[in-house]
N, C-alpha and C. Protein backbone atom coordinates (compact mmCIF):
# COMPACT_ATOMS: atom_id res chain seq x y z
N MET A 1 143.24 -53.09 101.08
CA MET A 1 141.88 -52.81 100.67
C MET A 1 141.49 -51.42 101.16
N ARG A 2 140.78 -50.73 100.37
CA ARG A 2 140.38 -49.37 100.71
C ARG A 2 138.88 -49.32 100.94
N PHE A 3 138.48 -48.40 101.72
CA PHE A 3 137.05 -48.18 101.92
C PHE A 3 136.77 -46.69 101.96
N VAL A 4 135.54 -46.37 101.72
CA VAL A 4 135.14 -44.97 101.66
C VAL A 4 134.01 -44.73 102.66
N ARG A 5 134.14 -43.69 103.42
CA ARG A 5 133.06 -43.24 104.30
C ARG A 5 132.66 -41.86 103.81
N SER A 6 131.49 -41.74 103.32
CA SER A 6 131.03 -40.45 102.83
C SER A 6 130.05 -39.84 103.82
N TYR A 7 130.06 -38.58 103.87
CA TYR A 7 129.16 -37.86 104.76
C TYR A 7 128.26 -36.99 103.91
N GLY A 8 126.91 -37.13 104.13
CA GLY A 8 125.94 -36.39 103.33
C GLY A 8 126.23 -34.92 103.31
N VAL A 9 126.08 -34.34 104.40
CA VAL A 9 126.34 -32.91 104.49
C VAL A 9 127.10 -32.73 105.77
N GLY A 10 128.14 -31.93 105.79
CA GLY A 10 128.98 -31.90 106.95
C GLY A 10 129.60 -30.58 107.29
N PHE A 11 130.83 -30.68 107.61
CA PHE A 11 131.56 -29.56 108.17
C PHE A 11 131.60 -28.37 107.22
N VAL A 12 131.60 -28.61 105.90
CA VAL A 12 131.64 -27.51 104.94
C VAL A 12 130.41 -26.64 105.08
N LEU A 13 129.25 -27.26 105.20
CA LEU A 13 128.01 -26.50 105.37
C LEU A 13 128.03 -25.71 106.67
N LEU A 14 128.51 -26.34 107.71
CA LEU A 14 128.59 -25.66 108.99
C LEU A 14 129.51 -24.45 108.90
N THR A 15 130.62 -24.60 108.20
CA THR A 15 131.54 -23.49 108.03
C THR A 15 130.89 -22.35 107.26
N LEU A 16 130.16 -22.69 106.21
CA LEU A 16 129.47 -21.65 105.43
C LEU A 16 128.42 -20.94 106.27
N MET A 17 127.69 -21.70 107.06
CA MET A 17 126.66 -21.10 107.90
C MET A 17 127.29 -20.20 108.96
N THR A 18 128.43 -20.63 109.48
CA THR A 18 129.13 -19.84 110.49
C THR A 18 129.60 -18.52 109.91
N SER A 19 130.19 -18.56 108.72
CA SER A 19 130.67 -17.34 108.08
C SER A 19 129.53 -16.38 107.78
N ALA A 20 128.44 -16.94 107.28
CA ALA A 20 127.31 -16.09 106.91
C ALA A 20 126.64 -15.45 108.12
N SER A 21 126.68 -16.15 109.25
CA SER A 21 125.97 -15.62 110.41
C SER A 21 126.85 -14.77 111.32
N ARG A 22 128.12 -14.64 111.02
CA ARG A 22 129.03 -13.93 111.91
C ARG A 22 128.57 -12.50 112.18
N THR A 23 128.27 -11.75 111.14
CA THR A 23 127.83 -10.37 111.32
C THR A 23 126.48 -10.33 112.02
N HIS A 24 125.60 -11.22 111.62
CA HIS A 24 124.26 -11.28 112.22
C HIS A 24 124.36 -11.57 113.72
N ALA A 25 125.25 -12.50 114.09
CA ALA A 25 125.38 -12.89 115.49
C ALA A 25 125.87 -11.74 116.35
N GLN A 26 126.69 -10.88 115.79
CA GLN A 26 127.21 -9.77 116.56
C GLN A 26 126.14 -8.69 116.76
N GLN A 27 125.19 -8.59 115.84
CA GLN A 27 124.16 -7.57 115.93
C GLN A 27 122.92 -8.05 116.67
N ASN A 28 122.65 -9.35 116.61
CA ASN A 28 121.43 -9.90 117.18
C ASN A 28 121.78 -11.10 118.06
N PRO A 29 121.50 -11.04 119.36
CA PRO A 29 121.88 -12.13 120.24
C PRO A 29 121.03 -13.40 120.05
N LYS A 30 119.97 -13.33 119.25
CA LYS A 30 119.14 -14.51 119.02
C LYS A 30 119.94 -15.55 118.23
N LEU A 31 119.91 -16.79 118.68
CA LEU A 31 120.65 -17.86 118.03
C LEU A 31 119.81 -18.54 116.96
N THR A 32 120.47 -18.96 115.88
CA THR A 32 119.84 -19.73 114.82
C THR A 32 120.03 -21.21 115.12
N THR A 33 118.95 -21.94 115.25
CA THR A 33 119.04 -23.36 115.56
C THR A 33 119.43 -24.16 114.32
N VAL A 34 120.43 -25.02 114.49
CA VAL A 34 120.88 -25.91 113.42
C VAL A 34 120.85 -27.33 113.98
N ASN A 35 120.06 -28.21 113.35
CA ASN A 35 119.94 -29.59 113.77
C ASN A 35 120.86 -30.46 112.93
N TYR A 36 121.79 -31.12 113.59
CA TYR A 36 122.81 -31.95 112.94
C TYR A 36 122.51 -33.42 113.20
N GLY A 37 122.17 -34.15 112.14
CA GLY A 37 121.88 -35.57 112.25
C GLY A 37 123.15 -36.40 112.27
N ASN A 38 123.21 -37.33 113.19
CA ASN A 38 124.38 -38.16 113.35
C ASN A 38 123.94 -39.55 113.75
N ILE A 39 124.71 -40.56 113.34
CA ILE A 39 124.36 -41.94 113.67
C ILE A 39 124.74 -42.24 115.11
N VAL A 40 126.01 -42.08 115.43
CA VAL A 40 126.55 -42.25 116.78
C VAL A 40 127.69 -41.25 116.95
N ILE A 41 128.15 -41.07 118.17
CA ILE A 41 129.29 -40.19 118.40
C ILE A 41 130.57 -41.02 118.31
N THR A 42 131.47 -40.58 117.41
CA THR A 42 132.76 -41.24 117.22
C THR A 42 133.85 -40.17 117.18
N ALA A 43 135.06 -40.59 116.90
CA ALA A 43 136.18 -39.66 116.83
C ALA A 43 135.99 -38.62 115.72
N THR A 44 135.22 -38.94 114.70
CA THR A 44 134.99 -37.96 113.63
C THR A 44 134.17 -36.77 114.13
N ASN A 45 133.55 -36.90 115.29
CA ASN A 45 132.76 -35.81 115.86
C ASN A 45 133.56 -34.89 116.77
N TRP A 46 134.80 -35.20 117.00
CA TRP A 46 135.60 -34.39 117.92
C TRP A 46 135.61 -32.91 117.58
N PRO A 47 135.74 -32.52 116.31
CA PRO A 47 135.70 -31.08 116.03
C PRO A 47 134.41 -30.42 116.49
N PHE A 48 133.28 -31.10 116.32
CA PHE A 48 132.00 -30.56 116.77
C PHE A 48 131.94 -30.50 118.29
N LEU A 49 132.43 -31.55 118.94
CA LEU A 49 132.42 -31.59 120.40
C LEU A 49 133.29 -30.49 121.00
N ILE A 50 134.45 -30.27 120.41
CA ILE A 50 135.34 -29.20 120.89
C ILE A 50 134.69 -27.84 120.66
N ALA A 51 134.11 -27.65 119.48
CA ALA A 51 133.44 -26.38 119.18
C ALA A 51 132.30 -26.11 120.15
N GLU A 52 131.54 -27.15 120.49
CA GLU A 52 130.47 -26.99 121.48
C GLU A 52 131.03 -26.63 122.85
N GLN A 53 132.04 -27.37 123.28
CA GLN A 53 132.63 -27.15 124.61
C GLN A 53 133.22 -25.76 124.73
N GLU A 54 133.82 -25.26 123.68
CA GLU A 54 134.46 -23.95 123.71
C GLU A 54 133.48 -22.81 123.41
N GLY A 55 132.22 -23.14 123.13
CA GLY A 55 131.21 -22.11 122.87
C GLY A 55 131.35 -21.44 121.52
N MET A 56 132.03 -22.08 120.59
CA MET A 56 132.27 -21.47 119.27
C MET A 56 130.98 -21.28 118.46
N PHE A 57 130.06 -22.23 118.56
CA PHE A 57 128.80 -22.10 117.83
C PHE A 57 128.00 -20.91 118.36
N GLN A 58 127.88 -20.80 119.64
CA GLN A 58 127.11 -19.70 120.24
C GLN A 58 127.74 -18.35 119.94
N LYS A 59 129.06 -18.29 119.91
CA LYS A 59 129.74 -17.03 119.57
C LYS A 59 129.40 -16.59 118.16
N GLU A 60 129.08 -17.57 117.31
CA GLU A 60 128.75 -17.27 115.91
C GLU A 60 127.24 -17.19 115.68
N GLY A 61 126.45 -17.28 116.74
CA GLY A 61 125.00 -17.15 116.62
C GLY A 61 124.29 -18.43 116.26
N ILE A 62 124.92 -19.58 116.55
CA ILE A 62 124.34 -20.87 116.19
C ILE A 62 124.00 -21.66 117.45
N ASP A 63 122.75 -22.13 117.52
CA ASP A 63 122.31 -23.04 118.56
C ASP A 63 122.41 -24.44 117.97
N PHE A 64 123.53 -25.12 118.20
CA PHE A 64 123.86 -26.40 117.58
C PHE A 64 123.19 -27.53 118.34
N LYS A 65 122.32 -28.27 117.65
CA LYS A 65 121.59 -29.39 118.26
C LYS A 65 121.98 -30.68 117.54
N ARG A 66 122.50 -31.64 118.28
CA ARG A 66 122.85 -32.94 117.70
C ARG A 66 121.65 -33.86 117.83
N VAL A 67 121.29 -34.51 116.74
CA VAL A 67 120.19 -35.47 116.72
C VAL A 67 120.80 -36.84 116.41
N ILE A 68 120.84 -37.72 117.41
CA ILE A 68 121.43 -39.05 117.24
C ILE A 68 120.37 -40.00 116.71
N GLY A 69 120.62 -40.55 115.52
CA GLY A 69 119.66 -41.44 114.89
C GLY A 69 119.80 -42.89 115.32
N GLY A 70 121.02 -43.29 115.69
CA GLY A 70 121.24 -44.67 116.11
C GLY A 70 121.59 -45.62 114.99
N ASN A 71 121.10 -45.33 113.78
CA ASN A 71 121.47 -46.13 112.61
C ASN A 71 121.35 -45.26 111.36
N THR A 72 121.92 -45.73 110.27
CA THR A 72 121.97 -44.91 109.06
C THR A 72 120.59 -44.66 108.47
N THR A 73 119.70 -45.63 108.58
CA THR A 73 118.36 -45.47 108.03
C THR A 73 117.60 -44.36 108.75
N ALA A 74 117.63 -44.37 110.08
CA ALA A 74 116.92 -43.35 110.85
C ALA A 74 117.51 -41.96 110.60
N THR A 75 118.83 -41.88 110.49
CA THR A 75 119.47 -40.58 110.23
C THR A 75 119.09 -40.06 108.86
N THR A 76 119.05 -40.95 107.87
CA THR A 76 118.65 -40.56 106.51
C THR A 76 117.19 -40.11 106.49
N GLN A 77 116.32 -40.85 107.15
CA GLN A 77 114.90 -40.49 107.19
C GLN A 77 114.67 -39.14 107.86
N ALA A 78 115.43 -38.86 108.91
CA ALA A 78 115.29 -37.57 109.59
C ALA A 78 115.71 -36.42 108.66
N LEU A 79 116.75 -36.63 107.89
CA LEU A 79 117.20 -35.60 106.95
C LEU A 79 116.17 -35.38 105.84
N VAL A 80 115.67 -36.45 105.28
CA VAL A 80 114.66 -36.35 104.21
C VAL A 80 113.39 -35.69 104.73
N ALA A 81 112.99 -36.01 105.95
CA ALA A 81 111.76 -35.45 106.54
C ALA A 81 111.91 -34.01 106.99
N GLY A 82 113.17 -33.52 107.04
CA GLY A 82 113.38 -32.14 107.45
C GLY A 82 113.58 -31.96 108.95
N SER A 83 113.71 -33.06 109.68
CA SER A 83 113.96 -32.97 111.12
C SER A 83 115.37 -32.51 111.42
N THR A 84 116.28 -32.72 110.48
CA THR A 84 117.66 -32.24 110.62
C THR A 84 117.99 -31.36 109.42
N ASP A 85 118.91 -30.43 109.64
CA ASP A 85 119.31 -29.52 108.56
C ASP A 85 120.42 -30.11 107.71
N PHE A 86 121.30 -30.89 108.32
CA PHE A 86 122.31 -31.64 107.60
C PHE A 86 122.67 -32.85 108.43
N ALA A 87 123.34 -33.82 107.80
CA ALA A 87 123.61 -35.07 108.50
C ALA A 87 124.90 -35.71 108.03
N GLN A 88 125.47 -36.46 108.94
CA GLN A 88 126.62 -37.30 108.63
C GLN A 88 126.06 -38.68 108.33
N MET A 89 126.30 -39.17 107.13
CA MET A 89 125.72 -40.44 106.74
C MET A 89 126.57 -41.09 105.66
N ASN A 90 126.27 -42.34 105.33
CA ASN A 90 127.06 -42.99 104.30
C ASN A 90 126.43 -42.79 102.93
N LEU A 91 127.25 -42.98 101.92
CA LEU A 91 126.83 -42.73 100.54
C LEU A 91 125.74 -43.71 100.10
N VAL A 92 125.78 -44.93 100.58
CA VAL A 92 124.78 -45.93 100.19
C VAL A 92 123.38 -45.47 100.58
N ASN A 93 123.21 -44.98 101.79
CA ASN A 93 121.90 -44.50 102.21
C ASN A 93 121.48 -43.26 101.45
N LEU A 94 122.42 -42.37 101.17
CA LEU A 94 122.11 -41.17 100.40
C LEU A 94 121.60 -41.55 99.01
N LEU A 95 122.30 -42.47 98.34
CA LEU A 95 121.89 -42.89 97.00
C LEU A 95 120.55 -43.62 97.04
N GLY A 96 120.33 -44.43 98.08
CA GLY A 96 119.05 -45.12 98.23
C GLY A 96 117.90 -44.14 98.42
N ALA A 97 118.12 -43.13 99.24
CA ALA A 97 117.08 -42.12 99.46
C ALA A 97 116.79 -41.35 98.17
N ASN A 98 117.83 -41.00 97.44
CA ASN A 98 117.62 -40.26 96.18
C ASN A 98 116.93 -41.12 95.14
N SER A 99 117.22 -42.41 95.10
CA SER A 99 116.55 -43.27 94.13
C SER A 99 115.07 -43.44 94.47
N ALA A 100 114.71 -43.18 95.72
CA ALA A 100 113.31 -43.26 96.15
C ALA A 100 112.61 -41.90 96.06
N GLY A 101 113.32 -40.87 95.53
CA GLY A 101 112.67 -39.59 95.32
C GLY A 101 113.20 -38.44 96.15
N ALA A 102 114.11 -38.68 97.07
CA ALA A 102 114.70 -37.58 97.85
C ALA A 102 115.62 -36.75 96.96
N ASP A 103 116.01 -35.59 97.43
CA ASP A 103 116.89 -34.71 96.68
C ASP A 103 118.07 -34.30 97.56
N LEU A 104 118.82 -35.28 98.04
CA LEU A 104 119.95 -35.01 98.92
C LEU A 104 121.21 -34.82 98.09
N ILE A 105 122.15 -34.04 98.60
CA ILE A 105 123.43 -33.83 97.92
C ILE A 105 124.58 -34.10 98.88
N VAL A 106 125.72 -34.46 98.31
CA VAL A 106 126.94 -34.66 99.10
C VAL A 106 127.72 -33.36 99.05
N VAL A 107 128.08 -32.85 100.21
CA VAL A 107 128.87 -31.62 100.27
C VAL A 107 130.32 -31.95 100.58
N ALA A 108 130.56 -32.96 101.40
CA ALA A 108 131.93 -33.32 101.77
C ALA A 108 132.01 -34.82 102.02
N GLY A 109 133.20 -35.36 101.89
CA GLY A 109 133.41 -36.77 102.15
C GLY A 109 134.75 -36.99 102.82
N VAL A 110 134.86 -38.14 103.45
CA VAL A 110 136.10 -38.52 104.11
C VAL A 110 136.55 -39.83 103.49
N TYR A 111 137.80 -39.88 103.15
CA TYR A 111 138.38 -41.09 102.56
C TYR A 111 139.53 -41.55 103.44
N ALA A 112 139.58 -42.82 103.74
CA ALA A 112 140.69 -43.34 104.55
C ALA A 112 141.25 -44.57 103.87
N ASP A 113 142.55 -44.62 103.74
CA ASP A 113 143.25 -45.79 103.23
C ASP A 113 143.32 -46.81 104.35
N ARG A 114 143.00 -48.04 104.09
CA ARG A 114 143.00 -49.08 105.12
C ARG A 114 144.34 -49.15 105.85
N ALA A 115 145.44 -48.96 105.14
CA ALA A 115 146.76 -49.04 105.75
C ALA A 115 146.93 -47.99 106.84
N SER A 116 146.27 -46.85 106.68
CA SER A 116 146.42 -45.78 107.68
C SER A 116 145.66 -46.09 108.97
N LEU A 117 144.80 -47.07 108.94
CA LEU A 117 144.01 -47.42 110.12
C LEU A 117 144.66 -48.54 110.94
N ASP A 118 145.68 -49.17 110.42
CA ASP A 118 146.34 -50.26 111.14
C ASP A 118 147.27 -49.74 112.21
């Protein structure tokens, strides 16, 4: 059996923001705050945790703030309300929010075959 975990907005957006701010960060020491909505911290967050620990965000002019929602509904609501700039969330909540009038988009997704998790 297969399952899909989709992420509303993720690493692709962060990469784009990093590339765009590289020149700016070298000229201006002021950091751009980016609020990242997340449900809980799991292994999928390791790249972000390593980047934070190594100071990669700050080197690129980004003040990376993690906002832990605790559940998918709270994380989705924070994104729709503008409290976060992008969020890791499931596709069901994204579609539910859009059917209620939100205008969220999927930038990246993660797919895992059940056999690879055994």
